[in-house]
């Protein structure tokens, strides 16, 4: 059994990921004008960027940008090995409807973790 990762650390990691993707979406995909004019145009790009960033970094590095900052990594639940690209895609896709990432079972795993057979663990 893997030790539980606190919900605060999980939330901080995904918040860092979301803010980084939001900054990129505002800077490159939201057009020009004032900040309040650009915000509505960044909604869809930020979700696409978050899915891509999260899935790719977990698939090929074991942790997203936010995970690395707060000291977390994603591993396979069954044997503790590196998560496969398919598992990272499933995990990323199920992260987009946020309710799947904040609904936990008795082991502290979210729905996205159960369906992808992964778990989030501390690196430090």
N, C-alpha and C. Protein backbone atom coordinates (compact mmCIF):
# COMPACT_ATOMS: atom_id res chain seq x y z
N UNK A 1 0.84 -1.19 0.00
CA UNK A 1 0.00 0.00 0.00
C UNK A 1 0.88 1.24 0.00
N UNK A 2 0.48 2.23 -0.76
CA UNK A 2 1.24 3.47 -0.87
C UNK A 2 0.72 4.48 0.14
N UNK A 3 1.61 5.29 0.72
CA UNK A 3 1.14 6.31 1.66
C UNK A 3 0.30 7.35 0.93
N UNK A 4 -0.69 7.88 1.64
CA UNK A 4 -1.57 8.88 1.05
C UNK A 4 -0.85 10.21 0.85
N UNK A 5 -1.18 10.86 -0.22
CA UNK A 5 -0.69 12.21 -0.49
C UNK A 5 -1.79 13.16 -0.04
N UNK A 6 -1.42 14.21 0.68
CA UNK A 6 -2.42 15.13 1.21
C UNK A 6 -3.19 15.81 0.08
N UNK A 7 -4.44 16.12 0.35
CA UNK A 7 -5.27 16.78 -0.65
C UNK A 7 -4.74 18.18 -0.95
N UNK A 8 -4.14 18.82 0.03
CA UNK A 8 -3.56 20.15 -0.18
C UNK A 8 -2.42 20.11 -1.18
N UNK A 9 -1.58 19.11 -1.08
CA UNK A 9 -0.45 18.97 -2.01
C UNK A 9 -0.95 18.66 -3.42
N UNK A 10 -1.96 17.80 -3.52
CA UNK A 10 -2.56 17.50 -4.82
C UNK A 10 -3.14 18.77 -5.44
N UNK A 11 -3.90 19.51 -4.64
CA UNK A 11 -4.55 20.72 -5.13
C UNK A 11 -3.52 21.77 -5.54
N UNK A 12 -2.46 21.91 -4.76
CA UNK A 12 -1.41 22.86 -5.11
C UNK A 12 -0.75 22.48 -6.43
N UNK A 13 -0.48 21.20 -6.64
CA UNK A 13 0.13 20.74 -7.88
C UNK A 13 -0.72 21.03 -9.10
N UNK A 14 -2.01 20.72 -9.04
CA UNK A 14 -2.88 20.95 -10.19
C UNK A 14 -3.13 22.44 -10.39
N UNK A 15 -3.13 23.21 -9.31
CA UNK A 15 -3.29 24.67 -9.43
C UNK A 15 -2.09 25.29 -10.14
N UNK A 16 -0.91 24.83 -9.82
CA UNK A 16 0.30 25.32 -10.50
C UNK A 16 0.23 24.97 -11.99
N UNK A 17 -0.16 23.74 -12.31
CA UNK A 17 -0.32 23.34 -13.72
C UNK A 17 -1.33 24.24 -14.43
N UNK A 18 -2.49 24.46 -13.79
CA UNK A 18 -3.55 25.24 -14.39
C UNK A 18 -3.10 26.69 -14.60
N UNK A 19 -2.45 27.28 -13.60
CA UNK A 19 -2.00 28.67 -13.74
C UNK A 19 -0.96 28.82 -14.85
N UNK A 20 -0.05 27.87 -14.96
CA UNK A 20 0.95 27.93 -16.03
C UNK A 20 0.28 27.84 -17.39
N UNK A 21 -0.67 26.93 -17.55
CA UNK A 21 -1.38 26.79 -18.82
C UNK A 21 -2.25 28.01 -19.09
N UNK A 22 -2.82 28.58 -18.06
CA UNK A 22 -3.66 29.78 -18.22
C UNK A 22 -2.81 30.95 -18.70
N UNK A 23 -1.61 31.10 -18.13
CA UNK A 23 -0.72 32.18 -18.55
C UNK A 23 -0.33 32.02 -20.03
N UNK A 24 -0.05 30.79 -20.44
CA UNK A 24 0.29 30.53 -21.85
C UNK A 24 -0.91 30.82 -22.75
N UNK A 25 -2.09 30.38 -22.32
CA UNK A 25 -3.30 30.61 -23.12
C UNK A 25 -3.58 32.10 -23.26
N UNK A 26 -3.43 32.85 -22.19
CA UNK A 26 -3.66 34.30 -22.25
C UNK A 26 -2.63 34.97 -23.15
N UNK A 27 -1.40 34.53 -23.06
CA UNK A 27 -0.33 35.16 -23.82
C UNK A 27 -0.35 34.85 -25.30
N UNK A 28 -0.74 33.64 -25.67
CA UNK A 28 -0.61 33.23 -27.07
C UNK A 28 -1.92 32.99 -27.81
N UNK A 29 -2.99 32.67 -27.11
CA UNK A 29 -4.20 32.25 -27.80
C UNK A 29 -5.43 33.11 -27.54
N UNK A 30 -5.34 34.14 -26.72
CA UNK A 30 -6.52 34.90 -26.32
C UNK A 30 -6.69 36.20 -27.07
N UNK A 31 -5.89 36.44 -28.09
CA UNK A 31 -6.03 37.66 -28.87
C UNK A 31 -5.38 38.86 -28.19
N UNK A 32 -5.83 40.03 -28.57
CA UNK A 32 -5.24 41.25 -28.01
C UNK A 32 -6.31 42.03 -27.26
N UNK A 33 -5.90 43.12 -26.68
CA UNK A 33 -6.81 43.95 -25.91
C UNK A 33 -6.48 43.89 -24.44
N UNK A 34 -7.39 44.40 -23.64
CA UNK A 34 -7.16 44.42 -22.20
C UNK A 34 -7.28 43.01 -21.62
N UNK A 35 -6.85 42.87 -20.40
CA UNK A 35 -6.90 41.57 -19.73
C UNK A 35 -8.33 41.04 -19.70
N UNK A 36 -9.29 41.89 -19.36
CA UNK A 36 -10.69 41.45 -19.26
C UNK A 36 -11.26 41.07 -20.63
N UNK A 37 -10.71 41.63 -21.71
CA UNK A 37 -11.16 41.24 -23.06
C UNK A 37 -10.60 39.88 -23.46
N UNK A 38 -9.40 39.55 -22.98
CA UNK A 38 -8.75 38.30 -23.39
C UNK A 38 -9.19 37.09 -22.59
N UNK A 39 -9.62 37.27 -21.35
CA UNK A 39 -9.96 36.15 -20.48
C UNK A 39 -11.00 35.20 -21.09
N UNK A 40 -12.12 35.69 -21.64
CA UNK A 40 -13.10 34.75 -22.20
C UNK A 40 -12.55 33.90 -23.36
N UNK A 41 -11.57 34.42 -24.08
CA UNK A 41 -11.02 33.69 -25.23
C UNK A 41 -10.00 32.63 -24.82
N UNK A 42 -9.63 32.59 -23.55
CA UNK A 42 -8.63 31.64 -23.08
C UNK A 42 -9.24 30.38 -22.48
N UNK A 43 -10.54 30.31 -22.37
CA UNK A 43 -11.18 29.19 -21.66
C UNK A 43 -10.91 27.83 -22.31
N UNK A 44 -11.15 27.71 -23.58
CA UNK A 44 -10.94 26.43 -24.27
C UNK A 44 -9.46 26.14 -24.44
N UNK A 45 -8.64 27.12 -24.88
CA UNK A 45 -7.21 26.83 -25.00
C UNK A 45 -6.56 26.38 -23.70
N UNK A 46 -6.99 26.91 -22.58
CA UNK A 46 -6.36 26.50 -21.32
C UNK A 46 -6.66 25.03 -21.02
N UNK A 47 -7.84 24.56 -21.33
CA UNK A 47 -8.17 23.14 -21.11
C UNK A 47 -7.37 22.24 -22.04
N UNK A 48 -7.23 22.65 -23.29
CA UNK A 48 -6.44 21.87 -24.24
C UNK A 48 -4.98 21.82 -23.81
N UNK A 49 -4.45 22.97 -23.42
CA UNK A 49 -3.06 23.02 -22.94
C UNK A 49 -2.86 22.19 -21.68
N UNK A 50 -3.81 22.27 -20.75
CA UNK A 50 -3.69 21.52 -19.50
C UNK A 50 -3.71 20.01 -19.79
N UNK A 51 -4.60 19.57 -20.64
CA UNK A 51 -4.65 18.15 -21.00
C UNK A 51 -3.33 17.72 -21.64
N UNK A 52 -2.84 18.51 -22.60
CA UNK A 52 -1.60 18.15 -23.30
C UNK A 52 -0.41 18.17 -22.35
N UNK A 53 -0.29 19.23 -21.55
CA UNK A 53 0.84 19.34 -20.62
C UNK A 53 0.83 18.20 -19.62
N UNK A 54 -0.31 17.97 -19.02
CA UNK A 54 -0.43 16.95 -17.99
C UNK A 54 -0.16 15.56 -18.57
N UNK A 55 -0.82 15.23 -19.67
CA UNK A 55 -0.67 13.89 -20.25
C UNK A 55 0.75 13.63 -20.74
N UNK A 56 1.32 14.57 -21.45
CA UNK A 56 2.66 14.37 -22.00
C UNK A 56 3.73 14.29 -20.91
N UNK A 57 3.67 15.20 -19.95
CA UNK A 57 4.69 15.19 -18.90
C UNK A 57 4.57 13.97 -17.99
N UNK A 58 3.34 13.54 -17.71
CA UNK A 58 3.18 12.33 -16.89
C UNK A 58 3.62 11.10 -17.69
N UNK A 59 3.28 11.06 -18.98
CA UNK A 59 3.64 9.91 -19.81
C UNK A 59 5.15 9.76 -19.97
N UNK A 60 5.84 10.87 -20.18
CA UNK A 60 7.27 10.78 -20.50
C UNK A 60 8.20 11.21 -19.38
N UNK A 61 7.66 11.75 -18.30
CA UNK A 61 8.51 12.18 -17.20
C UNK A 61 8.04 11.72 -15.84
N UNK A 62 6.85 11.14 -15.77
CA UNK A 62 6.34 10.63 -14.50
C UNK A 62 5.68 11.66 -13.62
N UNK A 63 5.72 12.94 -14.02
CA UNK A 63 5.10 13.98 -13.20
C UNK A 63 4.84 15.22 -14.06
N UNK A 64 3.76 15.92 -13.75
CA UNK A 64 3.50 17.17 -14.45
C UNK A 64 4.37 18.27 -13.85
N UNK A 65 4.31 19.45 -14.43
CA UNK A 65 5.08 20.59 -13.96
C UNK A 65 4.76 20.88 -12.48
N UNK A 66 3.48 20.94 -12.16
CA UNK A 66 3.05 21.19 -10.78
C UNK A 66 3.44 20.07 -9.83
N UNK A 67 3.35 18.83 -10.29
CA UNK A 67 3.76 17.69 -9.46
C UNK A 67 5.23 17.82 -9.06
N UNK A 68 6.07 18.17 -10.02
CA UNK A 68 7.51 18.28 -9.73
C UNK A 68 7.79 19.35 -8.69
N UNK A 69 7.09 20.48 -8.79
CA UNK A 69 7.31 21.57 -7.85
C UNK A 69 6.94 21.18 -6.43
N UNK A 70 5.84 20.45 -6.26
CA UNK A 70 5.40 20.07 -4.91
C UNK A 70 5.91 18.70 -4.47
N UNK A 71 6.73 18.04 -5.30
CA UNK A 71 7.36 16.79 -4.89
C UNK A 71 6.48 15.56 -5.01
N UNK A 72 5.78 15.43 -6.13
CA UNK A 72 4.92 14.27 -6.37
C UNK A 72 5.30 13.61 -7.70
N UNK A 73 4.91 12.34 -7.83
CA UNK A 73 5.06 11.66 -9.12
C UNK A 73 3.95 10.63 -9.26
N UNK A 74 3.68 10.25 -10.50
CA UNK A 74 2.63 9.29 -10.83
C UNK A 74 3.29 7.95 -11.14
N UNK A 75 2.79 6.90 -10.49
CA UNK A 75 3.29 5.54 -10.74
C UNK A 75 2.11 4.60 -10.96
N UNK A 76 2.40 3.41 -11.49
CA UNK A 76 1.35 2.39 -11.62
C UNK A 76 0.99 1.87 -10.24
N UNK A 77 -0.29 1.73 -9.99
CA UNK A 77 -0.76 1.26 -8.69
C UNK A 77 -0.44 -0.21 -8.49
N UNK A 78 -0.52 -1.00 -9.55
CA UNK A 78 -0.36 -2.45 -9.42
C UNK A 78 1.04 -2.87 -9.03
N UNK A 79 2.08 -2.23 -9.59
CA UNK A 79 3.44 -2.68 -9.30
C UNK A 79 4.44 -1.57 -9.00
N UNK A 80 4.01 -0.33 -8.98
CA UNK A 80 4.92 0.77 -8.65
C UNK A 80 5.82 1.21 -9.78
N UNK A 81 5.59 0.68 -10.98
CA UNK A 81 6.41 1.05 -12.13
C UNK A 81 6.00 2.38 -12.73
N UNK A 82 6.69 2.76 -13.78
CA UNK A 82 6.40 4.00 -14.48
C UNK A 82 5.05 3.90 -15.19
N UNK A 83 4.26 4.95 -15.12
CA UNK A 83 2.97 4.97 -15.80
C UNK A 83 3.18 4.95 -17.31
N UNK A 84 2.35 4.20 -18.01
CA UNK A 84 2.45 4.11 -19.47
C UNK A 84 1.80 5.34 -20.11
N UNK A 85 2.12 5.61 -21.37
CA UNK A 85 1.45 6.73 -22.05
C UNK A 85 -0.07 6.60 -22.07
N UNK A 86 -0.59 5.39 -22.24
CA UNK A 86 -2.04 5.20 -22.23
C UNK A 86 -2.62 5.54 -20.86
N UNK A 87 -1.96 5.12 -19.80
CA UNK A 87 -2.43 5.45 -18.46
C UNK A 87 -2.41 6.96 -18.24
N UNK A 88 -1.39 7.64 -18.74
CA UNK A 88 -1.30 9.09 -18.61
C UNK A 88 -2.43 9.78 -19.37
N UNK A 89 -2.76 9.27 -20.56
CA UNK A 89 -3.86 9.84 -21.34
C UNK A 89 -5.20 9.66 -20.63
N UNK A 90 -5.43 8.48 -20.09
CA UNK A 90 -6.67 8.22 -19.35
C UNK A 90 -6.74 9.13 -18.14
N UNK A 91 -5.65 9.22 -17.41
CA UNK A 91 -5.59 10.06 -16.22
C UNK A 91 -5.84 11.53 -16.57
N UNK A 92 -5.20 11.99 -17.65
CA UNK A 92 -5.38 13.38 -18.08
C UNK A 92 -6.79 13.67 -18.54
N UNK A 93 -7.37 12.75 -19.32
CA UNK A 93 -8.74 12.95 -19.81
C UNK A 93 -9.74 12.99 -18.66
N UNK A 94 -9.54 12.15 -17.66
CA UNK A 94 -10.46 12.13 -16.53
C UNK A 94 -10.19 13.26 -15.54
N UNK A 95 -9.10 13.95 -15.70
CA UNK A 95 -8.82 15.12 -14.86
C UNK A 95 -9.62 16.33 -15.32
N UNK A 96 -9.95 16.39 -16.61
CA UNK A 96 -10.63 17.56 -17.16
C UNK A 96 -11.98 17.82 -16.50
N UNK A 97 -12.85 16.81 -16.32
CA UNK A 97 -14.02 17.07 -15.48
C UNK A 97 -13.55 16.95 -14.02
N UNK A 98 -13.29 18.05 -13.39
CA UNK A 98 -12.59 18.11 -12.11
C UNK A 98 -13.18 17.18 -11.04
N UNK A 99 -14.45 16.87 -11.12
CA UNK A 99 -15.08 16.04 -10.08
C UNK A 99 -14.42 14.68 -9.98
N UNK A 100 -13.88 14.15 -11.08
CA UNK A 100 -13.24 12.84 -11.03
C UNK A 100 -11.90 12.89 -10.29
N UNK A 101 -11.30 14.06 -10.21
CA UNK A 101 -10.01 14.19 -9.52
C UNK A 101 -10.18 14.51 -8.04
N UNK A 102 -11.37 14.95 -7.61
CA UNK A 102 -11.55 15.31 -6.21
C UNK A 102 -12.52 14.38 -5.48
N UNK A 103 -12.89 13.29 -6.12
CA UNK A 103 -13.74 12.28 -5.50
C UNK A 103 -12.84 11.08 -5.18
N UNK A 104 -12.69 10.78 -3.89
CA UNK A 104 -11.70 9.80 -3.45
C UNK A 104 -12.32 8.55 -2.84
N UNK A 105 -11.59 7.44 -2.95
CA UNK A 105 -12.00 6.20 -2.31
C UNK A 105 -11.30 6.07 -0.95
N UNK A 106 -11.44 4.91 -0.33
CA UNK A 106 -10.86 4.68 1.00
C UNK A 106 -9.34 4.68 1.00
N UNK A 107 -8.72 4.49 -0.16
CA UNK A 107 -7.26 4.52 -0.26
C UNK A 107 -6.72 5.90 -0.61
N UNK A 108 -7.61 6.88 -0.75
CA UNK A 108 -7.18 8.22 -1.12
C UNK A 108 -6.93 8.41 -2.60
N UNK A 109 -7.43 7.51 -3.42
CA UNK A 109 -7.24 7.61 -4.88
C UNK A 109 -8.50 8.19 -5.52
N UNK A 110 -8.29 9.11 -6.47
CA UNK A 110 -9.40 9.69 -7.21
C UNK A 110 -9.91 8.74 -8.28
N UNK A 111 -11.05 9.08 -8.85
CA UNK A 111 -11.62 8.26 -9.92
C UNK A 111 -10.64 8.17 -11.08
N UNK A 112 -9.97 9.29 -11.39
CA UNK A 112 -9.01 9.28 -12.50
C UNK A 112 -7.86 8.32 -12.22
N UNK A 113 -7.50 8.15 -10.97
CA UNK A 113 -6.42 7.22 -10.62
C UNK A 113 -6.90 5.77 -10.68
N UNK A 114 -8.12 5.52 -10.25
CA UNK A 114 -8.63 4.15 -10.29
C UNK A 114 -8.81 3.65 -11.71
N UNK A 115 -9.36 4.47 -12.60
CA UNK A 115 -9.57 4.04 -13.98
C UNK A 115 -8.27 3.90 -14.75
N UNK A 116 -7.25 4.66 -14.36
CA UNK A 116 -5.97 4.58 -15.07
C UNK A 116 -4.97 3.65 -14.38
N UNK A 117 -5.37 3.05 -13.25
CA UNK A 117 -4.50 2.17 -12.46
C UNK A 117 -3.18 2.85 -12.09
N UNK A 118 -3.29 4.11 -11.64
CA UNK A 118 -2.13 4.86 -11.21
C UNK A 118 -2.36 5.40 -9.80
N UNK A 119 -1.29 5.90 -9.22
CA UNK A 119 -1.39 6.53 -7.90
C UNK A 119 -0.35 7.65 -7.84
N UNK A 120 -0.66 8.68 -7.09
CA UNK A 120 0.23 9.80 -6.89
C UNK A 120 1.00 9.58 -5.59
N UNK A 121 2.32 9.64 -5.64
CA UNK A 121 3.15 9.42 -4.44
C UNK A 121 4.13 10.57 -4.25
N UNK A 122 4.63 10.73 -3.05
CA UNK A 122 5.62 11.75 -2.73
C UNK A 122 7.00 11.32 -3.22
N UNK A 123 7.77 12.30 -3.70
CA UNK A 123 9.15 12.02 -4.09
C UNK A 123 10.12 12.52 -3.02
N UNK A 124 9.66 13.37 -2.17
CA UNK A 124 10.51 13.89 -1.08
C UNK A 124 9.71 14.08 0.17
